Amino acid sequence: RYDIEHLRGGLERAPLFDVAEVEDQVVGLVIV
């Protein structure tokens, strides 16, 4: 399970944090 703080840290420091969507539903992520 991810927690919000881990993911927020990814938004702040990762040069790539993308999500995948299917029919406007977020279904996956990649962080580099």
ModelCIF file with pLDDT and N, C-alpha, C, O atoms, coordinates in Angstrom:
data_MODEL
#
_entry.id   MODEL 
#
_entity.id                         1 
_entity.type                       polymer 
_entity.pdbx_number_of_molecules   1 
#
_entity_poly.entity_id                      1 
_entity_poly.type                           'polypeptide(L)' 
_entity_poly.nstd_linkage                   no 
_entity_poly.nstd_monomer                   no 
_entity_poly.pdbx_seq_one_letter_code       RYDIEHLRGGLERAPLFDVAEVEDQVVGLVIV 
_entity_poly.pdbx_seq_one_letter_code_can   RYDIEHLRGGLERAPLFDVAEVEDQVVGLVIV 
_entity_poly.pdbx_strand_id                 A 
#
loop_
_entity_poly_seq.entity_id 
_entity_poly_seq.num 
_entity_poly_seq.mon_id 
_entity_poly_seq.hetero 
1 1  ARG n 
1 2  TYR n 
1 3  ASP n 
1 4  ILE n 
1 5  GLU n 
1 6  HIS n 
1 7  LEU n 
1 8  ARG n 
1 9  GLY n 
1 10 GLY n 
1 11 LEU n 
1 12 GLU n 
1 13 ARG n 
1 14 ALA n 
1 15 PRO n 
1 16 LEU n 
1 17 PHE n 
1 18 ASP n 
1 19 VAL n 
1 20 ALA n 
1 21 GLU n 
1 22 VAL n 
1 23 GLU n 
1 24 ASP n 
1 25 GLN n 
1 26 VAL n 
1 27 VAL n 
1 28 GLY n 
1 29 LEU n 
1 30 VAL n 
1 31 ILE n 
1 32 VAL n 
#
_struct_asym.id          A 
_struct_asym.entity_id   1 
#
loop_
_ma_qa_metric.id 
_ma_qa_metric.mode 
_ma_qa_metric.name 
_ma_qa_metric.software_group_id 
_ma_qa_metric.type 
1 global pLDDT . pLDDT 
2 local  pLDDT . pLDDT 
#
_ma_qa_metric_global.metric_id      1 
_ma_qa_metric_global.metric_value   95.12 
_ma_qa_metric_global.model_id       1 
_ma_qa_metric_global.ordinal_id     1 
#
loop_
_ma_qa_metric_local.label_asym_id 
_ma_qa_metric_local.label_comp_id 
_ma_qa_metric_local.label_seq_id 
_ma_qa_metric_local.metric_id 
_ma_qa_metric_local.metric_value 
_ma_qa_metric_local.model_id 
_ma_qa_metric_local.ordinal_id 
A ARG 1  2 83.00 1 1  
A TYR 2  2 90.00 1 2  
A ASP 3  2 91.00 1 3  
A ILE 4  2 95.00 1 4  
A GLU 5  2 94.00 1 5  
A HIS 6  2 93.00 1 6  
A LEU 7  2 96.00 1 7  
A ARG 8  2 96.00 1 8  
A GLY 9  2 94.00 1 9  
A GLY 10 2 94.00 1 10 
A LEU 11 2 95.00 1 11 
A GLU 12 2 95.00 1 12 
A ARG 13 2 94.00 1 13 
A ALA 14 2 96.00 1 14 
A PRO 15 2 96.00 1 15 
A LEU 16 2 97.00 1 16 
A PHE 17 2 98.00 1 17 
A ASP 18 2 98.00 1 18 
A VAL 19 2 98.00 1 19 
A ALA 20 2 97.00 1 20 
A GLU 21 2 97.00 1 21 
A VAL 22 2 96.00 1 22 
A GLU 23 2 94.00 1 23 
A ASP 24 2 92.00 1 24 
A GLN 25 2 95.00 1 25 
A VAL 26 2 97.00 1 26 
A VAL 27 2 97.00 1 27 
A GLY 28 2 97.00 1 28 
A LEU 29 2 97.00 1 29 
A VAL 30 2 98.00 1 30 
A ILE 31 2 97.00 1 31 
A VAL 32 2 97.00 1 32 
#
loop_
_atom_site.group_PDB 
_atom_site.id 
_atom_site.type_symbol 
_atom_site.label_atom_id 
_atom_site.label_alt_id 
_atom_site.label_comp_id 
_atom_site.label_asym_id 
_atom_site.label_entity_id 
_atom_site.label_seq_id 
_atom_site.pdbx_PDB_ins_code 
_atom_site.Cartn_x 
_atom_site.Cartn_y 
_atom_site.Cartn_z 
_atom_site.occupancy 
_atom_site.B_iso_or_equiv 
_atom_site.pdbx_formal_charge 
_atom_site.auth_seq_id 
_atom_site.auth_comp_id 
_atom_site.auth_asym_id 
_atom_site.auth_atom_id 
_atom_site.pdbx_PDB_model_num 
ATOM 1   N N  . ARG A 1 1  ? 0.857   -1.190 0.000   1.00 83.00 ? 1  ARG A N  1 
ATOM 2   C CA . ARG A 1 1  ? 0.000   0.000  0.000   1.00 83.00 ? 1  ARG A CA 1 
ATOM 3   C C  . ARG A 1 1  ? 0.890   1.235  0.000   1.00 83.00 ? 1  ARG A C  1 
ATOM 4   O O  . ARG A 1 1  ? 1.922   1.284  0.670   1.00 83.00 ? 1  ARG A O  1 
ATOM 5   N N  . TYR A 1 2  ? 0.473   2.206  -0.749  1.00 90.00 ? 2  TYR A N  1 
ATOM 6   C CA . TYR A 1 2  ? 1.138   3.506  -0.714  1.00 90.00 ? 2  TYR A CA 1 
ATOM 7   C C  . TYR A 1 2  ? 0.443   4.370  0.322   1.00 90.00 ? 2  TYR A C  1 
ATOM 8   O O  . TYR A 1 2  ? -0.738  4.187  0.620   1.00 90.00 ? 2  TYR A O  1 
ATOM 9   N N  . ASP A 1 3  ? 1.194   5.309  0.862   1.00 91.00 ? 3  ASP A N  1 
ATOM 10  C CA . ASP A 1 3  ? 0.560   6.326  1.693   1.00 91.00 ? 3  ASP A CA 1 
ATOM 11  C C  . ASP A 1 3  ? 0.727   7.671  1.007   1.00 91.00 ? 3  ASP A C  1 
ATOM 12  O O  . ASP A 1 3  ? 1.606   7.861  0.167   1.00 91.00 ? 3  ASP A O  1 
ATOM 13  N N  . ILE A 1 4  ? -0.130  8.583  1.382   1.00 95.00 ? 4  ILE A N  1 
ATOM 14  C CA . ILE A 1 4  ? -0.156  9.908  0.742   1.00 95.00 ? 4  ILE A CA 1 
ATOM 15  C C  . ILE A 1 4  ? 1.202   10.603 0.845   1.00 95.00 ? 4  ILE A C  1 
ATOM 16  O O  . ILE A 1 4  ? 1.652   11.217 -0.123  1.00 95.00 ? 4  ILE A O  1 
ATOM 17  N N  . GLU A 1 5  ? 1.850   10.518 1.983   1.00 94.00 ? 5  GLU A N  1 
ATOM 18  C CA . GLU A 1 5  ? 3.124   11.230 2.165   1.00 94.00 ? 5  GLU A CA 1 
ATOM 19  C C  . GLU A 1 5  ? 4.210   10.690 1.246   1.00 94.00 ? 5  GLU A C  1 
ATOM 20  O O  . GLU A 1 5  ? 4.997   11.463 0.701   1.00 94.00 ? 5  GLU A O  1 
ATOM 21  N N  . HIS A 1 6  ? 4.263   9.385  1.068   1.00 93.00 ? 6  HIS A N  1 
ATOM 22  C CA . HIS A 1 6  ? 5.247   8.798  0.136   1.00 93.00 ? 6  HIS A CA 1 
ATOM 23  C C  . HIS A 1 6  ? 5.003   9.341  -1.268  1.00 93.00 ? 6  HIS A C  1 
ATOM 24  O O  . HIS A 1 6  ? 5.934   9.780  -1.943  1.00 93.00 ? 6  HIS A O  1 
ATOM 25  N N  . LEU A 1 7  ? 3.762   9.310  -1.695  1.00 96.00 ? 7  LEU A N  1 
ATOM 26  C CA . LEU A 1 7  ? 3.432   9.780  -3.034  1.00 96.00 ? 7  LEU A CA 1 
ATOM 27  C C  . LEU A 1 7  ? 3.647   11.283 -3.174  1.00 96.00 ? 7  LEU A C  1 
ATOM 28  O O  . LEU A 1 7  ? 4.109   11.753 -4.215  1.00 96.00 ? 7  LEU A O  1 
ATOM 29  N N  . ARG A 1 8  ? 3.318   12.030 -2.139  1.00 96.00 ? 8  ARG A N  1 
ATOM 30  C CA . ARG A 1 8  ? 3.552   13.474 -2.184  1.00 96.00 ? 8  ARG A CA 1 
ATOM 31  C C  . ARG A 1 8  ? 5.047   13.760 -2.327  1.00 96.00 ? 8  ARG A C  1 
ATOM 32  O O  . ARG A 1 8  ? 5.445   14.670 -3.055  1.00 96.00 ? 8  ARG A O  1 
ATOM 33  N N  . GLY A 1 9  ? 5.866   12.981 -1.630  1.00 94.00 ? 9  GLY A N  1 
ATOM 34  C CA . GLY A 1 9  ? 7.323   13.114 -1.778  1.00 94.00 ? 9  GLY A CA 1 
ATOM 35  C C  . GLY A 1 9  ? 7.755   12.859 -3.207  1.00 94.00 ? 9  GLY A C  1 
ATOM 36  O O  . GLY A 1 9  ? 8.654   13.526 -3.718  1.00 94.00 ? 9  GLY A O  1 
ATOM 37  N N  . GLY A 1 10 ? 7.116   11.890 -3.856  1.00 94.00 ? 10 GLY A N  1 
ATOM 38  C CA . GLY A 1 10 ? 7.414   11.631 -5.259  1.00 94.00 ? 10 GLY A CA 1 
ATOM 39  C C  . GLY A 1 10 ? 7.067   12.814 -6.142  1.00 94.00 ? 10 GLY A C  1 
ATOM 40  O O  . GLY A 1 10 ? 7.819   13.158 -7.054  1.00 94.00 ? 10 GLY A O  1 
ATOM 41  N N  . LEU A 1 11 ? 5.925   13.438 -5.872  1.00 95.00 ? 11 LEU A N  1 
ATOM 42  C CA . LEU A 1 11 ? 5.553   14.637 -6.641  1.00 95.00 ? 11 LEU A CA 1 
ATOM 43  C C  . LEU A 1 11 ? 6.581   15.745 -6.469  1.00 95.00 ? 11 LEU A C  1 
ATOM 44  O O  . LEU A 1 11 ? 6.900   16.458 -7.420  1.00 95.00 ? 11 LEU A O  1 
ATOM 45  N N  . GLU A 1 12 ? 7.096   15.887 -5.253  1.00 95.00 ? 12 GLU A N  1 
ATOM 46  C CA . GLU A 1 12 ? 8.025   16.978 -4.950  1.00 95.00 ? 12 GLU A CA 1 
ATOM 47  C C  . GLU A 1 12 ? 9.420   16.755 -5.503  1.00 95.00 ? 12 GLU A C  1 
ATOM 48  O O  . GLU A 1 12 ? 10.074  17.710 -5.920  1.00 95.00 ? 12 GLU A O  1 
ATOM 49  N N  . ARG A 1 13 ? 9.894   15.505 -5.517  1.00 94.00 ? 13 ARG A N  1 
ATOM 50  C CA . ARG A 1 13 ? 11.305  15.311 -5.868  1.00 94.00 ? 13 ARG A CA 1 
ATOM 51  C C  . ARG A 1 13 ? 11.576  14.493 -7.117  1.00 94.00 ? 13 ARG A C  1 
ATOM 52  O O  . ARG A 1 13 ? 12.699  14.510 -7.620  1.00 94.00 ? 13 ARG A O  1 
ATOM 53  N N  . ALA A 1 14 ? 10.591  13.781 -7.631  1.00 96.00 ? 14 ALA A N  1 
ATOM 54  C CA . ALA A 1 14 ? 10.836  12.934 -8.799  1.00 96.00 ? 14 ALA A CA 1 
ATOM 55  C C  . ALA A 1 14 ? 10.703  13.735 -10.090 1.00 96.00 ? 14 ALA A C  1 
ATOM 56  O O  . ALA A 1 14 ? 9.699   14.417 -10.295 1.00 96.00 ? 14 ALA A O  1 
ATOM 57  N N  . PRO A 1 15 ? 11.691  13.659 -10.944 1.00 96.00 ? 15 PRO A N  1 
ATOM 58  C CA . PRO A 1 15 ? 11.558  14.341 -12.234 1.00 96.00 ? 15 PRO A CA 1 
ATOM 59  C C  . PRO A 1 15 ? 10.516  13.686 -13.136 1.00 96.00 ? 15 PRO A C  1 
ATOM 60  O O  . PRO A 1 15 ? 10.019  14.315 -14.071 1.00 96.00 ? 15 PRO A O  1 
ATOM 61  N N  . LEU A 1 16 ? 10.181  12.411 -12.854 1.00 97.00 ? 16 LEU A N  1 
ATOM 62  C CA . LEU A 1 16 ? 9.096   11.766 -13.568 1.00 97.00 ? 16 LEU A CA 1 
ATOM 63  C C  . LEU A 1 16 ? 8.196   11.058 -12.568 1.00 97.00 ? 16 LEU A C  1 
ATOM 64  O O  . LEU A 1 16 ? 8.642   10.170 -11.840 1.00 97.00 ? 16 LEU A O  1 
ATOM 65  N N  . PHE A 1 17 ? 6.951   11.444 -12.534 1.00 98.00 ? 17 PHE A N  1 
ATOM 66  C CA . PHE A 1 17 ? 5.906   10.762 -11.756 1.00 98.00 ? 17 PHE A CA 1 
ATOM 67  C C  . PHE A 1 17 ? 4.668   10.844 -12.624 1.00 98.00 ? 17 PHE A C  1 
ATOM 68  O O  . PHE A 1 17 ? 3.975   11.861 -12.651 1.00 98.00 ? 17 PHE A O  1 
ATOM 69  N N  . ASP A 1 18 ? 4.400   9.763  -13.329 1.00 98.00 ? 18 ASP A N  1 
ATOM 70  C CA . ASP A 1 18 ? 3.272   9.711  -14.249 1.00 98.00 ? 18 ASP A CA 1 
ATOM 71  C C  . ASP A 1 18 ? 2.243   8.704  -13.761 1.00 98.00 ? 18 ASP A C  1 
ATOM 72  O O  . ASP A 1 18 ? 2.565   7.776  -13.019 1.00 98.00 ? 18 ASP A O  1 
ATOM 73  N N  . VAL A 1 19 ? 1.015   8.899  -14.184 1.00 98.00 ? 19 VAL A N  1 
ATOM 74  C CA . VAL A 1 19 ? -0.055  7.957  -13.890 1.00 98.00 ? 19 VAL A CA 1 
ATOM 75  C C  . VAL A 1 19 ? -0.636  7.448  -15.205 1.00 98.00 ? 19 VAL A C  1 
ATOM 76  O O  . VAL A 1 19 ? -0.545  8.105  -16.242 1.00 98.00 ? 19 VAL A O  1 
ATOM 77  N N  . ALA A 1 20 ? -1.234  6.266  -15.135 1.00 97.00 ? 20 ALA A N  1 
ATOM 78  C CA . ALA A 1 20 ? -1.979  5.704  -16.264 1.00 97.00 ? 20 ALA A CA 1 
ATOM 79  C C  . ALA A 1 20 ? -3.453  5.829  -15.943 1.00 97.00 ? 20 ALA A C  1 
ATOM 80  O O  . ALA A 1 20 ? -3.871  5.663  -14.797 1.00 97.00 ? 20 ALA A O  1 
ATOM 81  N N  . GLU A 1 21 ? -4.233  6.124  -16.964 1.00 97.00 ? 21 GLU A N  1 
ATOM 82  C CA . GLU A 1 21 ? -5.680  6.234  -16.807 1.00 97.00 ? 21 GLU A CA 1 
ATOM 83  C C  . GLU A 1 21 ? -6.384  5.335  -17.818 1.00 97.00 ? 21 GLU A C  1 
ATOM 84  O O  . GLU A 1 21 ? -5.937  5.175  -18.954 1.00 97.00 ? 21 GLU A O  1 
ATOM 85  N N  . VAL A 1 22 ? -7.483  4.760  -17.379 1.00 96.00 ? 22 VAL A N  1 
ATOM 86  C CA . VAL A 1 22 ? -8.382  4.015  -18.252 1.00 96.00 ? 22 VAL A CA 1 
ATOM 87  C C  . VAL A 1 22 ? -9.768  4.591  -18.003 1.00 96.00 ? 22 VAL A C  1 
ATOM 88  O O  . VAL A 1 22 ? -10.288 4.527  -16.890 1.00 96.00 ? 22 VAL A O  1 
ATOM 89  N N  . GLU A 1 23 ? -10.353 5.148  -19.037 1.00 94.00 ? 23 GLU A N  1 
ATOM 90  C CA . GLU A 1 23 ? -11.674 5.775  -18.941 1.00 94.00 ? 23 GLU A CA 1 
ATOM 91  C C  . GLU A 1 23 ? -11.741 6.742  -17.758 1.00 94.00 ? 23 GLU A C  1 
ATOM 92  O O  . GLU A 1 23 ? -12.656 6.679  -16.938 1.00 94.00 ? 23 GLU A O  1 
ATOM 93  N N  . ASP A 1 24 ? -10.767 7.625  -17.688 1.00 92.00 ? 24 ASP A N  1 
ATOM 94  C CA . ASP A 1 24 ? -10.664 8.666  -16.661 1.00 92.00 ? 24 ASP A CA 1 
ATOM 95  C C  . ASP A 1 24 ? -10.473 8.141  -15.247 1.00 92.00 ? 24 ASP A C  1 
ATOM 96  O O  . ASP A 1 24 ? -10.631 8.898  -14.290 1.00 92.00 ? 24 ASP A O  1 
ATOM 97  N N  . GLN A 1 25 ? -10.135 6.861  -15.089 1.00 95.00 ? 25 GLN A N  1 
ATOM 98  C CA . GLN A 1 25 ? -9.835  6.289  -13.777 1.00 95.00 ? 25 GLN A CA 1 
ATOM 99  C C  . GLN A 1 25 ? -8.326  6.042  -13.694 1.00 95.00 ? 25 GLN A C  1 
ATOM 100 O O  . GLN A 1 25 ? -7.750  5.388  -14.564 1.00 95.00 ? 25 GLN A O  1 
ATOM 101 N N  . VAL A 1 26 ? -7.693  6.568  -12.645 1.00 97.00 ? 26 VAL A N  1 
ATOM 102 C CA . VAL A 1 26 ? -6.268  6.340  -12.426 1.00 97.00 ? 26 VAL A CA 1 
ATOM 103 C C  . VAL A 1 26 ? -6.084  4.873  -12.039 1.00 97.00 ? 26 VAL A C  1 
ATOM 104 O O  . VAL A 1 26 ? -6.708  4.391  -11.093 1.00 97.00 ? 26 VAL A O  1 
ATOM 105 N N  . VAL A 1 27 ? -5.212  4.159  -12.784 1.00 97.00 ? 27 VAL A N  1 
ATOM 106 C CA . VAL A 1 27 ? -5.040  2.722  -12.559 1.00 97.00 ? 27 VAL A CA 1 
ATOM 107 C C  . VAL A 1 27 ? -3.584  2.306  -12.357 1.00 97.00 ? 27 VAL A C  1 
ATOM 108 O O  . VAL A 1 27 ? -3.312  1.120  -12.171 1.00 97.00 ? 27 VAL A O  1 
ATOM 109 N N  . GLY A 1 28 ? -2.651  3.241  -12.389 1.00 97.00 ? 28 GLY A N  1 
ATOM 110 C CA . GLY A 1 28 ? -1.251  2.861  -12.199 1.00 97.00 ? 28 GLY A CA 1 
ATOM 111 C C  . GLY A 1 28 ? -0.349  4.068  -12.127 1.00 97.00 ? 28 GLY A C  1 
ATOM 112 O O  . GLY A 1 28 ? -0.773  5.200  -12.357 1.00 97.00 ? 28 GLY A O  1 
ATOM 113 N N  . LEU A 1 29 ? 0.910   3.807  -11.800 1.00 97.00 ? 29 LEU A N  1 
ATOM 114 C CA . LEU A 1 29 ? 1.878   4.887  -11.650 1.00 97.00 ? 29 LEU A CA 1 
ATOM 115 C C  . LEU A 1 29 ? 3.283   4.408  -11.983 1.00 97.00 ? 29 LEU A C  1 
ATOM 116 O O  . LEU A 1 29 ? 3.583   3.216  -11.921 1.00 97.00 ? 29 LEU A O  1 
ATOM 117 N N  . VAL A 1 30 ? 4.123   5.348  -12.333 1.00 98.00 ? 30 VAL A N  1 
ATOM 118 C CA . VAL A 1 30 ? 5.560   5.114  -12.492 1.00 98.00 ? 30 VAL A CA 1 
ATOM 119 C C  . VAL A 1 30 ? 6.287   6.338  -11.951 1.00 98.00 ? 30 VAL A C  1 
ATOM 120 O O  . VAL A 1 30 ? 5.901   7.475  -12.221 1.00 98.00 ? 30 VAL A O  1 
ATOM 121 N N  . ILE A 1 31 ? 7.352   6.086  -11.178 1.00 97.00 ? 31 ILE A N  1 
ATOM 122 C CA . ILE A 1 31 ? 8.169   7.156  -10.615 1.00 97.00 ? 31 ILE A CA 1 
ATOM 123 C C  . ILE A 1 31 ? 9.625   6.858  -10.947 1.00 97.00 ? 31 ILE A C  1 
ATOM 124 O O  . ILE A 1 31 ? 10.093  5.735  -10.759 1.00 97.00 ? 31 ILE A O  1 
ATOM 125 N N  . VAL A 1 32 ? 10.339  7.865  -11.441 1.00 97.00 ? 32 VAL A N  1 
ATOM 126 C CA . VAL A 1 32 ? 11.761  7.726  -11.760 1.00 97.00 ? 32 VAL A CA 1 
ATOM 127 C C  . VAL A 1 32 ? 12.540  8.804  -11.030 1.00 97.00 ? 32 VAL A C  1 
ATOM 128 O O  . VAL A 1 32 ? 13.763  8.874  -11.156 1.00 97.00 ? 32 VAL A O  1 
#
